[in-house]
Amino acid sequence: MARLIHRNGSGHFVLCVQNRSYRASLEIRKVYRALADPDGERHGLVRVIDDSGEDYLYPRRYFVDIEVPKPAHKCFSLAQVSAR
């Protein structure tokens, strides 16, 4: 899977497949940037930059990893920065 470098470390992209209890922050079928968080991963969580523009831990089962073609990385990254 392609990894994206973020100011907080490495990251990748995930697709939201569930948003129970987080409907204000997560949108089903939307692609989000996920950041490396080994402590969260050990607890079944993933750190995601959500619709607020901040990164938070969410249940891992709410997302699936996706591979984004390199030419699209910049597009996805700029879209999330402009949403802040």
N, C-alpha and C. Protein backbone atom coordinates (compact mmCIF):
# COMPACT_ATOMS: atom_id res chain seq x y z
N MET A 1 0.85 -1.18 0.00
CA MET A 1 0.00 0.00 0.00
C MET A 1 0.89 1.24 0.00
N ALA A 2 0.50 2.22 -0.76
CA ALA A 2 1.25 3.47 -0.80
C ALA A 2 1.07 4.22 0.50
N ARG A 3 2.14 4.78 1.00
CA ARG A 3 2.09 5.56 2.25
C ARG A 3 2.28 7.03 1.92
N LEU A 4 1.65 7.87 2.69
CA LEU A 4 1.73 9.31 2.51
C LEU A 4 2.44 9.89 3.72
N ILE A 5 3.38 10.77 3.50
CA ILE A 5 4.07 11.41 4.61
C ILE A 5 3.25 12.62 5.05
N HIS A 6 3.03 12.72 6.33
CA HIS A 6 2.24 13.80 6.93
C HIS A 6 3.09 14.46 7.99
N ARG A 7 2.76 15.65 8.39
CA ARG A 7 3.58 16.35 9.38
C ARG A 7 3.72 15.57 10.68
N ASN A 8 2.76 14.69 10.98
CA ASN A 8 2.83 13.88 12.20
C ASN A 8 3.44 12.51 11.96
N GLY A 9 3.98 12.26 10.77
CA GLY A 9 4.57 10.96 10.46
C GLY A 9 3.95 10.37 9.21
N SER A 10 4.09 9.07 9.05
CA SER A 10 3.58 8.45 7.84
C SER A 10 2.08 8.23 7.96
N GLY A 11 1.44 8.11 6.83
CA GLY A 11 0.01 7.90 6.82
C GLY A 11 -0.41 7.17 5.56
N HIS A 12 -1.68 6.83 5.49
CA HIS A 12 -2.25 6.18 4.32
C HIS A 12 -3.71 6.57 4.23
N PHE A 13 -4.41 6.03 3.26
CA PHE A 13 -5.81 6.39 3.07
C PHE A 13 -6.72 5.22 3.43
N VAL A 14 -7.88 5.56 3.99
CA VAL A 14 -8.87 4.57 4.37
C VAL A 14 -10.24 5.02 3.88
N LEU A 15 -11.12 4.06 3.68
CA LEU A 15 -12.50 4.32 3.27
C LEU A 15 -13.40 4.05 4.46
N CYS A 16 -14.27 5.00 4.79
CA CYS A 16 -15.20 4.82 5.90
C CYS A 16 -16.35 3.92 5.44
N VAL A 17 -16.59 2.85 6.20
CA VAL A 17 -17.66 1.91 5.87
C VAL A 17 -18.74 1.87 6.96
N GLN A 18 -18.51 2.60 8.05
CA GLN A 18 -19.47 2.65 9.16
C GLN A 18 -19.19 3.93 9.96
N ASN A 19 -20.24 4.54 10.51
CA ASN A 19 -20.02 5.76 11.29
C ASN A 19 -20.90 5.84 12.53
N ARG A 20 -21.39 4.71 12.99
CA ARG A 20 -22.25 4.69 14.16
C ARG A 20 -21.62 5.46 15.32
N SER A 21 -22.34 6.33 15.94
CA SER A 21 -21.90 7.18 17.06
C SER A 21 -20.98 8.32 16.62
N TYR A 22 -20.64 8.40 15.34
CA TYR A 22 -19.73 9.46 14.86
C TYR A 22 -20.28 10.11 13.58
N ARG A 23 -21.58 10.19 13.46
CA ARG A 23 -22.18 10.70 12.22
C ARG A 23 -21.80 12.15 11.92
N ALA A 24 -21.51 12.92 12.93
CA ALA A 24 -21.13 14.32 12.71
C ALA A 24 -19.69 14.45 12.22
N SER A 25 -18.87 13.43 12.47
CA SER A 25 -17.45 13.51 12.14
C SER A 25 -17.04 12.65 10.96
N LEU A 26 -17.78 11.58 10.69
CA LEU A 26 -17.41 10.63 9.63
C LEU A 26 -18.55 10.44 8.65
N GLU A 27 -18.19 10.31 7.39
CA GLU A 27 -19.17 10.11 6.33
C GLU A 27 -18.89 8.77 5.65
N ILE A 28 -19.90 7.91 5.59
CA ILE A 28 -19.74 6.61 4.94
C ILE A 28 -19.42 6.82 3.46
N ARG A 29 -18.53 5.99 2.93
CA ARG A 29 -18.04 6.02 1.54
C ARG A 29 -17.09 7.17 1.26
N LYS A 30 -16.62 7.85 2.29
CA LYS A 30 -15.67 8.94 2.10
C LYS A 30 -14.26 8.44 2.41
N VAL A 31 -13.29 8.95 1.66
CA VAL A 31 -11.89 8.59 1.86
C VAL A 31 -11.28 9.56 2.86
N TYR A 32 -10.57 9.00 3.84
CA TYR A 32 -9.90 9.80 4.86
C TYR A 32 -8.42 9.44 4.91
N ARG A 33 -7.64 10.38 5.38
CA ARG A 33 -6.22 10.12 5.61
C ARG A 33 -6.08 9.55 7.02
N ALA A 34 -5.36 8.46 7.12
CA ALA A 34 -5.09 7.83 8.42
C ALA A 34 -3.61 8.02 8.75
N LEU A 35 -3.33 8.23 10.01
CA LEU A 35 -1.96 8.43 10.48
C LEU A 35 -1.51 7.25 11.31
N ALA A 36 -0.23 6.98 11.29
CA ALA A 36 0.32 5.89 12.09
C ALA A 36 0.14 6.20 13.57
N ASP A 37 -0.37 5.23 14.32
CA ASP A 37 -0.52 5.36 15.77
C ASP A 37 -0.44 3.96 16.36
N PRO A 38 0.78 3.47 16.63
CA PRO A 38 0.95 2.10 17.13
C PRO A 38 0.16 1.81 18.40
N ASP A 39 0.07 2.76 19.32
CA ASP A 39 -0.70 2.53 20.56
C ASP A 39 -2.18 2.33 20.24
N GLY A 40 -2.72 3.16 19.38
CA GLY A 40 -4.12 3.02 19.00
C GLY A 40 -4.37 1.71 18.29
N GLU A 41 -3.47 1.33 17.38
CA GLU A 41 -3.62 0.08 16.63
C GLU A 41 -3.68 -1.13 17.56
N ARG A 42 -2.90 -1.10 18.63
CA ARG A 42 -2.91 -2.21 19.59
C ARG A 42 -4.27 -2.35 20.28
N HIS A 43 -5.04 -1.28 20.29
CA HIS A 43 -6.36 -1.29 20.93
C HIS A 43 -7.50 -1.36 19.90
N GLY A 44 -7.18 -1.69 18.65
CA GLY A 44 -8.21 -1.82 17.62
C GLY A 44 -8.72 -0.49 17.11
N LEU A 45 -7.88 0.54 17.18
CA LEU A 45 -8.27 1.89 16.75
C LEU A 45 -7.38 2.35 15.60
N VAL A 46 -7.85 3.32 14.86
CA VAL A 46 -7.07 3.94 13.80
C VAL A 46 -7.19 5.45 13.96
N ARG A 47 -6.08 6.16 13.77
CA ARG A 47 -6.07 7.63 13.87
C ARG A 47 -6.37 8.21 12.50
N VAL A 48 -7.49 8.96 12.42
CA VAL A 48 -7.98 9.48 11.15
C VAL A 48 -8.16 10.99 11.24
N ILE A 49 -7.81 11.67 10.16
CA ILE A 49 -8.12 13.10 10.06
C ILE A 49 -9.56 13.18 9.58
N ASP A 50 -10.46 13.57 10.46
CA ASP A 50 -11.89 13.53 10.14
C ASP A 50 -12.37 14.84 9.52
N ASP A 51 -13.68 14.99 9.42
CA ASP A 51 -14.27 16.17 8.76
C ASP A 51 -14.02 17.46 9.51
N SER A 52 -13.59 17.38 10.76
CA SER A 52 -13.26 18.60 11.51
C SER A 52 -11.87 19.10 11.13
N GLY A 53 -11.09 18.27 10.43
CA GLY A 53 -9.73 18.63 10.06
C GLY A 53 -8.72 18.23 11.13
N GLU A 54 -9.19 17.66 12.21
CA GLU A 54 -8.31 17.20 13.29
C GLU A 54 -8.20 15.69 13.23
N ASP A 55 -7.14 15.15 13.86
CA ASP A 55 -7.00 13.70 13.87
C ASP A 55 -7.46 13.14 15.21
N TYR A 56 -8.27 12.07 15.11
CA TYR A 56 -8.84 11.40 16.28
C TYR A 56 -8.77 9.89 16.08
N LEU A 57 -8.87 9.17 17.18
CA LEU A 57 -8.91 7.72 17.11
C LEU A 57 -10.36 7.25 16.94
N TYR A 58 -10.55 6.32 16.02
CA TYR A 58 -11.85 5.72 15.75
C TYR A 58 -11.69 4.20 15.71
N PRO A 59 -12.79 3.47 15.89
CA PRO A 59 -12.71 2.01 15.80
C PRO A 59 -12.20 1.59 14.41
N ARG A 60 -11.24 0.69 14.40
CA ARG A 60 -10.64 0.22 13.14
C ARG A 60 -11.68 -0.39 12.22
N ARG A 61 -12.68 -1.05 12.79
CA ARG A 61 -13.69 -1.73 11.98
C ARG A 61 -14.55 -0.75 11.17
N TYR A 62 -14.46 0.52 11.44
CA TYR A 62 -15.22 1.52 10.69
C TYR A 62 -14.57 1.85 9.34
N PHE A 63 -13.37 1.32 9.08
CA PHE A 63 -12.60 1.68 7.90
C PHE A 63 -11.99 0.46 7.23
N VAL A 64 -11.76 0.60 5.93
CA VAL A 64 -10.95 -0.37 5.19
C VAL A 64 -9.83 0.41 4.52
N ASP A 65 -8.64 -0.19 4.51
CA ASP A 65 -7.51 0.43 3.83
C ASP A 65 -7.75 0.41 2.33
N ILE A 66 -7.36 1.49 1.68
CA ILE A 66 -7.45 1.52 0.22
C ILE A 66 -6.11 1.99 -0.33
N GLU A 67 -5.87 1.60 -1.55
CA GLU A 67 -4.66 2.04 -2.23
C GLU A 67 -5.04 3.15 -3.19
N VAL A 68 -4.46 4.30 -3.01
CA VAL A 68 -4.73 5.46 -3.84
C VAL A 68 -3.56 5.61 -4.82
N PRO A 69 -3.83 5.72 -6.11
CA PRO A 69 -2.73 5.89 -7.07
C PRO A 69 -1.92 7.14 -6.73
N LYS A 70 -0.60 7.06 -6.92
CA LYS A 70 0.27 8.18 -6.58
C LYS A 70 -0.19 9.52 -7.13
N PRO A 71 -0.62 9.60 -8.41
CA PRO A 71 -1.07 10.90 -8.93
C PRO A 71 -2.26 11.49 -8.16
N ALA A 72 -3.03 10.64 -7.48
CA ALA A 72 -4.20 11.13 -6.75
C ALA A 72 -3.88 11.55 -5.32
N HIS A 73 -2.71 11.21 -4.80
CA HIS A 73 -2.35 11.56 -3.41
C HIS A 73 -2.49 13.06 -3.17
N LYS A 74 -1.94 13.85 -4.06
CA LYS A 74 -1.97 15.30 -3.88
C LYS A 74 -3.42 15.80 -3.86
N CYS A 75 -4.23 15.28 -4.75
CA CYS A 75 -5.64 15.69 -4.82
C CYS A 75 -6.36 15.39 -3.50
N PHE A 76 -6.20 14.18 -2.97
CA PHE A 76 -6.85 13.82 -1.71
C PHE A 76 -6.30 14.66 -0.56
N SER A 77 -5.01 14.87 -0.54
CA SER A 77 -4.40 15.64 0.54
C SER A 77 -4.87 17.10 0.52
N LEU A 78 -4.93 17.69 -0.66
CA LEU A 78 -5.37 19.09 -0.76
C LEU A 78 -6.83 19.22 -0.38
N ALA A 79 -7.66 18.25 -0.74
CA ALA A 79 -9.08 18.30 -0.39
C ALA A 79 -9.27 18.28 1.10
N GLN A 80 -8.47 17.51 1.82
CA GLN A 80 -8.62 17.44 3.27
C GLN A 80 -8.08 18.70 3.94
N VAL A 81 -7.04 19.28 3.40
CA VAL A 81 -6.49 20.52 3.98
C VAL A 81 -7.48 21.66 3.78
N SER A 82 -8.12 21.73 2.60
CA SER A 82 -9.07 22.82 2.35
C SER A 82 -10.35 22.67 3.15
N ALA A 83 -10.63 21.47 3.65
CA ALA A 83 -11.83 21.25 4.46
C ALA A 83 -11.66 21.78 5.87
N ARG A 84 -10.45 22.10 6.26
CA ARG A 84 -10.20 22.60 7.63
C ARG A 84 -10.70 23.99 7.83
